[in-house]
Amino acid sequence: MKIIKLAVGDVLQMKKPHPCGSVSFRVLRVGSDIRIVCTGCGRDLTVPRIAFEKKIKTVNGEKV
């Protein structure tokens, strides 16, 4: 399994949209859990890293 390099401030494009309609999120914290905030509505989420990495489409415009 390839570990995706993430840093605080990265903008991610997800495969599926958030319920508000936005597909982009900004990284707030990195570790075994990833904390992200939706750029559309401002909602923040904490997601386990293993489940989260499967849902990422691009990081800062670069395909994963």
PDB file of N, CA and C in Angstrom:
ATOM      1  N   MET A   1       0.838  -1.179   0.000  1.00  0.00           N
ATOM      2  CA  MET A   1       0.000   0.000   0.000  1.00  0.00           C
ATOM      3  C   MET A   1       0.886   1.246   0.000  1.00  0.00           C
ATOM      4  N   LYS A   2       0.604   2.155  -0.886  1.00  0.00           N
ATOM      5  CA  LYS A   2       1.376   3.388  -1.009  1.00  0.00           C
ATOM      6  C   LYS A   2       0.806   4.441  -0.054  1.00  0.00           C
ATOM      7  N   ILE A   3       1.671   5.030   0.765  1.00  0.00           N
ATOM      8  CA  ILE A   3       1.250   6.080   1.684  1.00  0.00           C
ATOM      9  C   ILE A   3       1.354   7.419   0.965  1.00  0.00           C
ATOM     10  N   ILE A   4       0.274   8.154   0.963  1.00  0.00           N
ATOM     11  CA  ILE A   4       0.223   9.447   0.291  1.00  0.00           C
ATOM     12  C   ILE A   4       0.813  10.507   1.211  1.00  0.00           C
ATOM     13  N   LYS A   5       1.740  11.309   0.690  1.00  0.00           N
ATOM     14  CA  LYS A   5       2.362  12.389   1.457  1.00  0.00           C
ATOM     15  C   LYS A   5       1.383  13.558   1.552  1.00  0.00           C
ATOM     16  N   LEU A   6       0.996  13.906   2.767  1.00  0.00           N
ATOM     17  CA  LEU A   6       0.100  15.030   3.002  1.00  0.00           C
ATOM     18  C   LEU A   6       0.773  16.003   3.955  1.00  0.00           C
ATOM     19  N   ALA A   7       0.465  17.280   3.790  1.00  0.00           N
ATOM     20  CA  ALA A   7       0.992  18.319   4.679  1.00  0.00           C
ATOM     21  C   ALA A   7      -0.149  19.264   5.031  1.00  0.00           C
ATOM     22  N   VAL A   8      -0.003  19.934   6.153  1.00  0.00           N
ATOM     23  CA  VAL A   8      -1.007  20.908   6.572  1.00  0.00           C
ATOM     24  C   VAL A   8      -1.107  22.000   5.512  1.00  0.00           C
ATOM     25  N   GLY A   9      -2.321  22.318   5.102  1.00  0.00           N
ATOM     26  CA  GLY A   9      -2.543  23.342   4.088  1.00  0.00           C
ATOM     27  C   GLY A   9      -2.784  22.790   2.696  1.00  0.00           C
ATOM     28  N   ASP A  10      -2.523  21.487   2.470  1.00  0.00           N
ATOM     29  CA  ASP A  10      -2.791  20.885   1.163  1.00  0.00           C
ATOM     30  C   ASP A  10      -4.285  20.942   0.852  1.00  0.00           C
ATOM     31  N   VAL A  11      -4.606  21.140  -0.418  1.00  0.00           N
ATOM     32  CA  VAL A  11      -6.000  21.128  -0.869  1.00  0.00           C
ATOM     33  C   VAL A  11      -6.226  19.822  -1.619  1.00  0.00           C
ATOM     34  N   LEU A  12      -7.250  19.077  -1.188  1.00  0.00           N
ATOM     35  CA  LEU A  12      -7.542  17.763  -1.744  1.00  0.00           C
ATOM     36  C   LEU A  12      -8.828  17.784  -2.540  1.00  0.00           C
ATOM     37  N   GLN A  13      -8.849  17.051  -3.634  1.00  0.00           N
ATOM     38  CA  GLN A  13     -10.066  16.809  -4.390  1.00  0.00           C
ATOM     39  C   GLN A  13     -10.485  15.380  -4.079  1.00  0.00           C
ATOM     40  N   MET A  14     -11.721  15.189  -3.649  1.00  0.00           N
ATOM     41  CA  MET A  14     -12.208  13.865  -3.290  1.00  0.00           C
ATOM     42  C   MET A  14     -12.966  13.241  -4.459  1.00  0.00           C
ATOM     43  N   LYS A  15     -13.115  11.912  -4.427  1.00  0.00           N
ATOM     44  CA  LYS A  15     -13.838  11.207  -5.484  1.00  0.00           C
ATOM     45  C   LYS A  15     -15.336  11.494  -5.426  1.00  0.00           C
ATOM     46  N   LYS A  16     -15.892  11.602  -4.217  1.00  0.00           N
ATOM     47  CA  LYS A  16     -17.314  11.889  -4.047  1.00  0.00           C
ATOM     48  C   LYS A  16     -17.483  13.245  -3.360  1.00  0.00           C
ATOM     49  N   PRO A  17     -18.531  13.991  -3.705  1.00  0.00           N
ATOM     50  CA  PRO A  17     -18.721  15.311  -3.095  1.00  0.00           C
ATOM     51  C   PRO A  17     -19.252  15.229  -1.663  1.00  0.00           C
ATOM     52  N   HIS A  18     -18.977  16.267  -0.904  1.00  0.00           N
ATOM     53  CA  HIS A  18     -19.537  16.460   0.433  1.00  0.00           C
ATOM     54  C   HIS A  18     -21.023  16.769   0.250  1.00  0.00           C
ATOM     55  N   PRO A  19     -21.888  16.529   1.217  1.00  0.00           N
ATOM     56  CA  PRO A  19     -23.312  16.839   1.061  1.00  0.00           C
ATOM     57  C   PRO A  19     -23.622  18.280   0.652  1.00  0.00           C
ATOM     58  N   CYS A  20     -22.705  19.219   0.917  1.00  0.00           N
ATOM     59  CA  CYS A  20     -22.932  20.607   0.498  1.00  0.00           C
ATOM     60  C   CYS A  20     -22.678  20.797  -0.998  1.00  0.00           C
ATOM     61  N   GLY A  21     -22.035  19.799  -1.654  1.00  0.00           N
ATOM     62  CA  GLY A  21     -21.765  19.874  -3.081  1.00  0.00           C
ATOM     63  C   GLY A  21     -20.304  20.108  -3.434  1.00  0.00           C
ATOM     64  N   SER A  22     -19.499  20.497  -2.469  1.00  0.00           N
ATOM     65  CA  SER A  22     -18.080  20.760  -2.723  1.00  0.00           C
ATOM     66  C   SER A  22     -17.286  19.454  -2.728  1.00  0.00           C
ATOM     67  N   VAL A  23     -16.253  19.362  -3.579  1.00  0.00           N
ATOM     68  CA  VAL A  23     -15.384  18.185  -3.607  1.00  0.00           C
ATOM     69  C   VAL A  23     -13.971  18.508  -3.116  1.00  0.00           C
ATOM     70  N   SER A  24     -13.730  19.751  -2.678  1.00  0.00           N
ATOM     71  CA  SER A  24     -12.389  20.111  -2.222  1.00  0.00           C
ATOM     72  C   SER A  24     -12.363  20.329  -0.710  1.00  0.00           C
ATOM     73  N   PHE A  25     -11.257  19.871  -0.103  1.00  0.00           N
ATOM     74  CA  PHE A  25     -11.045  19.965   1.332  1.00  0.00           C
ATOM     75  C   PHE A  25      -9.624  20.438   1.586  1.00  0.00           C
ATOM     76  N   ARG A  26      -9.403  21.132   2.722  1.00  0.00           N
ATOM     77  CA  ARG A  26      -8.077  21.590   3.116  1.00  0.00           C
ATOM     78  C   ARG A  26      -7.646  20.808   4.348  1.00  0.00           C
ATOM     79  N   VAL A  27      -6.397  20.369   4.384  1.00  0.00           N
ATOM     80  CA  VAL A  27      -5.862  19.571   5.492  1.00  0.00           C
ATOM     81  C   VAL A  27      -5.514  20.484   6.662  1.00  0.00           C
ATOM     82  N   LEU A  28      -6.015  20.126   7.864  1.00  0.00           N
ATOM     83  CA  LEU A  28      -5.714  20.886   9.078  1.00  0.00           C
ATOM     84  C   LEU A  28      -4.708  20.176   9.972  1.00  0.00           C
ATOM     85  N   ARG A  29      -4.743  18.828  10.002  1.00  0.00           N
ATOM     86  CA  ARG A  29      -3.849  18.059  10.861  1.00  0.00           C
ATOM     87  C   ARG A  29      -3.547  16.725  10.198  1.00  0.00           C
ATOM     88  N   VAL A  30      -2.314  16.257  10.334  1.00  0.00           N
ATOM     89  CA  VAL A  30      -1.881  15.004   9.729  1.00  0.00           C
ATOM     90  C   VAL A  30      -1.336  14.096  10.826  1.00  0.00           C
ATOM     91  N   GLY A  31      -1.653  12.826  10.739  1.00  0.00           N
ATOM     92  CA  GLY A  31      -1.182  11.824  11.689  1.00  0.00           C
ATOM     93  C   GLY A  31      -1.860  10.511  11.358  1.00  0.00           C
ATOM     94  N   SER A  32      -2.149   9.698  12.381  1.00  0.00           N
ATOM     95  CA  SER A  32      -2.872   8.455  12.125  1.00  0.00           C
ATOM     96  C   SER A  32      -4.312   8.767  11.741  1.00  0.00           C
ATOM     97  N   ASP A  33      -4.810   9.914  12.187  1.00  0.00           N
ATOM     98  CA  ASP A  33      -6.095  10.456  11.743  1.00  0.00           C
ATOM     99  C   ASP A  33      -5.814  11.741  10.975  1.00  0.00           C
ATOM    100  N   ILE A  34      -6.639  12.017   9.987  1.00  0.00           N
ATOM    101  CA  ILE A  34      -6.493  13.238   9.184  1.00  0.00           C
ATOM    102  C   ILE A  34      -7.656  14.161   9.525  1.00  0.00           C
ATOM    103  N   ARG A  35      -7.351  15.419   9.835  1.00  0.00           N
ATOM    104  CA  ARG A  35      -8.406  16.403  10.075  1.00  0.00           C
ATOM    105  C   ARG A  35      -8.470  17.324   8.871  1.00  0.00           C
ATOM    106  N   ILE A  36      -9.656  17.427   8.281  1.00  0.00           N
ATOM    107  CA  ILE A  36      -9.848  18.244   7.083  1.00  0.00           C
ATOM    108  C   ILE A  36     -11.033  19.178   7.288  1.00  0.00           C
ATOM    109  N   VAL A  37     -11.073  20.231   6.493  1.00  0.00           N
ATOM    110  CA  VAL A  37     -12.193  21.167   6.523  1.00  0.00           C
ATOM    111  C   VAL A  37     -12.706  21.327   5.097  1.00  0.00           C
ATOM    112  N   CYS A  38     -14.027  21.296   4.938  1.00  0.00           N
ATOM    113  CA  CYS A  38     -14.654  21.468   3.623  1.00  0.00           C
ATOM    114  C   CYS A  38     -14.498  22.926   3.195  1.00  0.00           C
ATOM    115  N   THR A  39     -14.072  23.152   1.955  1.00  0.00           N
ATOM    116  CA  THR A  39     -13.896  24.525   1.477  1.00  0.00           C
ATOM    117  C   THR A  39     -15.229  25.153   1.086  1.00  0.00           C
ATOM    118  N   GLY A  40     -16.276  24.347   0.967  1.00  0.00           N
ATOM    119  CA  GLY A  40     -17.589  24.874   0.610  1.00  0.00           C
ATOM    120  C   GLY A  40     -18.352  25.420   1.802  1.00  0.00           C
ATOM    121  N   CYS A  41     -18.541  24.565   2.829  1.00  0.00           N
ATOM    122  CA  CYS A  41     -19.380  24.955   3.962  1.00  0.00           C
ATOM    123  C   CYS A  41     -18.607  25.197   5.250  1.00  0.00           C
ATOM    124  N   GLY A  42     -17.321  24.809   5.308  1.00  0.00           N
ATOM    125  CA  GLY A  42     -16.509  25.050   6.491  1.00  0.00           C
ATOM    126  C   GLY A  42     -16.594  23.964   7.551  1.00  0.00           C
ATOM    127  N   ARG A  43     -17.287  22.898   7.279  1.00  0.00           N
ATOM    128  CA  ARG A  43     -17.416  21.789   8.239  1.00  0.00           C
ATOM    129  C   ARG A  43     -16.078  21.069   8.355  1.00  0.00           C
ATOM    130  N   ASP A  44     -15.667  20.737   9.590  1.00  0.00           N
ATOM    131  CA  ASP A  44     -14.412  20.006   9.732  1.00  0.00           C
ATOM    132  C   ASP A  44     -14.684  18.565  10.147  1.00  0.00           C
ATOM    133  N   LEU A  45     -13.828  17.665   9.659  1.00  0.00           N
ATOM    134  CA  LEU A  45     -13.977  16.233   9.864  1.00  0.00           C
ATOM    135  C   LEU A  45     -12.657  15.639  10.311  1.00  0.00           C
ATOM    136  N   THR A  46     -12.732  14.608  11.135  1.00  0.00           N
ATOM    137  CA  THR A  46     -11.558  13.824  11.489  1.00  0.00           C
ATOM    138  C   THR A  46     -11.819  12.405  11.006  1.00  0.00           C
ATOM    139  N   VAL A  47     -10.942  11.920  10.120  1.00  0.00           N
ATOM    140  CA  VAL A  47     -11.139  10.638   9.458  1.00  0.00           C
ATOM    141  C   VAL A  47      -9.897   9.775   9.657  1.00  0.00           C
ATOM    142  N   PRO A  48     -10.059   8.453   9.915  1.00  0.00           N
ATOM    143  CA  PRO A  48      -8.883   7.581   9.987  1.00  0.00           C
ATOM    144  C   PRO A  48      -8.121   7.592   8.662  1.00  0.00           C
ATOM    145  N   ARG A  49      -6.794   7.636   8.727  1.00  0.00           N
ATOM    146  CA  ARG A  49      -5.958   7.790   7.538  1.00  0.00           C
ATOM    147  C   ARG A  49      -6.162   6.669   6.516  1.00  0.00           C
ATOM    148  N   ILE A  50      -6.263   5.422   6.952  1.00  0.00           N
ATOM    149  CA  ILE A  50      -6.386   4.288   6.029  1.00  0.00           C
ATOM    150  C   ILE A  50      -7.645   4.412   5.183  1.00  0.00           C
ATOM    151  N   ALA A  51      -8.778   4.725   5.798  1.00  0.00           N
ATOM    152  CA  ALA A  51     -10.031   4.876   5.060  1.00  0.00           C
ATOM    153  C   ALA A  51     -10.004   6.131   4.185  1.00  0.00           C
ATOM    154  N   PHE A  52      -9.359   7.180   4.676  1.00  0.00           N
ATOM    155  CA  PHE A  52      -9.338   8.461   3.977  1.00  0.00           C
ATOM    156  C   PHE A  52      -8.534   8.426   2.684  1.00  0.00           C
ATOM    157  N   GLU A  53      -7.376   7.733   2.696  1.00  0.00           N
ATOM    158  CA  GLU A  53      -6.502   7.714   1.518  1.00  0.00           C
ATOM    159  C   GLU A  53      -7.170   7.062   0.311  1.00  0.00           C
ATOM    160  N   LYS A  54      -8.118   6.186   0.523  1.00  0.00           N
ATOM    161  CA  LYS A  54      -8.831   5.532  -0.579  1.00  0.00           C
ATOM    162  C   LYS A  54      -9.794   6.487  -1.276  1.00  0.00           C
ATOM    163  N   LYS A  55     -10.179   7.565  -0.606  1.00  0.00           N
ATOM    164  CA  LYS A  55     -11.180   8.495  -1.127  1.00  0.00           C
ATOM    165  C   LYS A  55     -10.592   9.708  -1.842  1.00  0.00           C
ATOM    166  N   ILE A  56      -9.255   9.854  -1.830  1.00  0.00           N
ATOM    167  CA  ILE A  56      -8.604  11.030  -2.425  1.00  0.00           C
ATOM    168  C   ILE A  56      -8.445  10.839  -3.940  1.00  0.00           C
ATOM    169  N   LYS A  57      -8.777  11.882  -4.694  1.00  0.00           N
ATOM    170  CA  LYS A  57      -8.591  11.877  -6.148  1.00  0.00           C
ATOM    171  C   LYS A  57      -7.312  12.620  -6.512  1.00  0.00           C
ATOM    172  N   THR A  58      -7.136  13.864  -6.028  1.00  0.00           N
ATOM    173  CA  THR A  58      -5.926  14.642  -6.288  1.00  0.00           C
ATOM    174  C   THR A  58      -5.488  15.390  -5.034  1.00  0.00           C
ATOM    175  N   VAL A  59      -4.171  15.682  -4.963  1.00  0.00           N
ATOM    176  CA  VAL A  59      -3.602  16.498  -3.885  1.00  0.00           C
ATOM    177  C   VAL A  59      -2.927  17.683  -4.563  1.00  0.00           C
ATOM    178  N   ASN A  60      -3.399  18.885  -4.256  1.00  0.00           N
ATOM    179  CA  ASN A  60      -2.875  20.127  -4.873  1.00  0.00           C
ATOM    180  C   ASN A  60      -2.857  20.045  -6.392  1.00  0.00           C
ATOM    181  N   GLY A  61      -3.864  19.442  -6.976  1.00  0.00           N
ATOM    182  CA  GLY A  61      -3.967  19.346  -8.434  1.00  0.00           C
ATOM    183  C   GLY A  61      -3.187  18.219  -9.061  1.00  0.00           C
ATOM    184  N   GLU A  62      -2.448  17.440  -8.276  1.00  0.00           N
ATOM    185  CA  GLU A  62      -1.672  16.319  -8.799  1.00  0.00           C
ATOM    186  C   GLU A  62      -2.425  15.012  -8.549  1.00  0.00           C
ATOM    187  N   LYS A  63      -2.599  14.241  -9.602  1.00  0.00           N
ATOM    188  CA  LYS A  63      -3.335  12.983  -9.490  1.00  0.00           C
ATOM    189  C   LYS A  63      -2.609  11.998  -8.583  1.00  0.00           C
ATOM    190  N   VAL A  64      -3.388  11.317  -7.735  1.00  0.00           N
ATOM    191  CA  VAL A  64      -2.818  10.336  -6.786  1.00  0.00           C
ATOM    192  C   VAL A  64      -2.965   8.945  -7.353  1.00  0.00           C
TER     193      VAL A  64
END
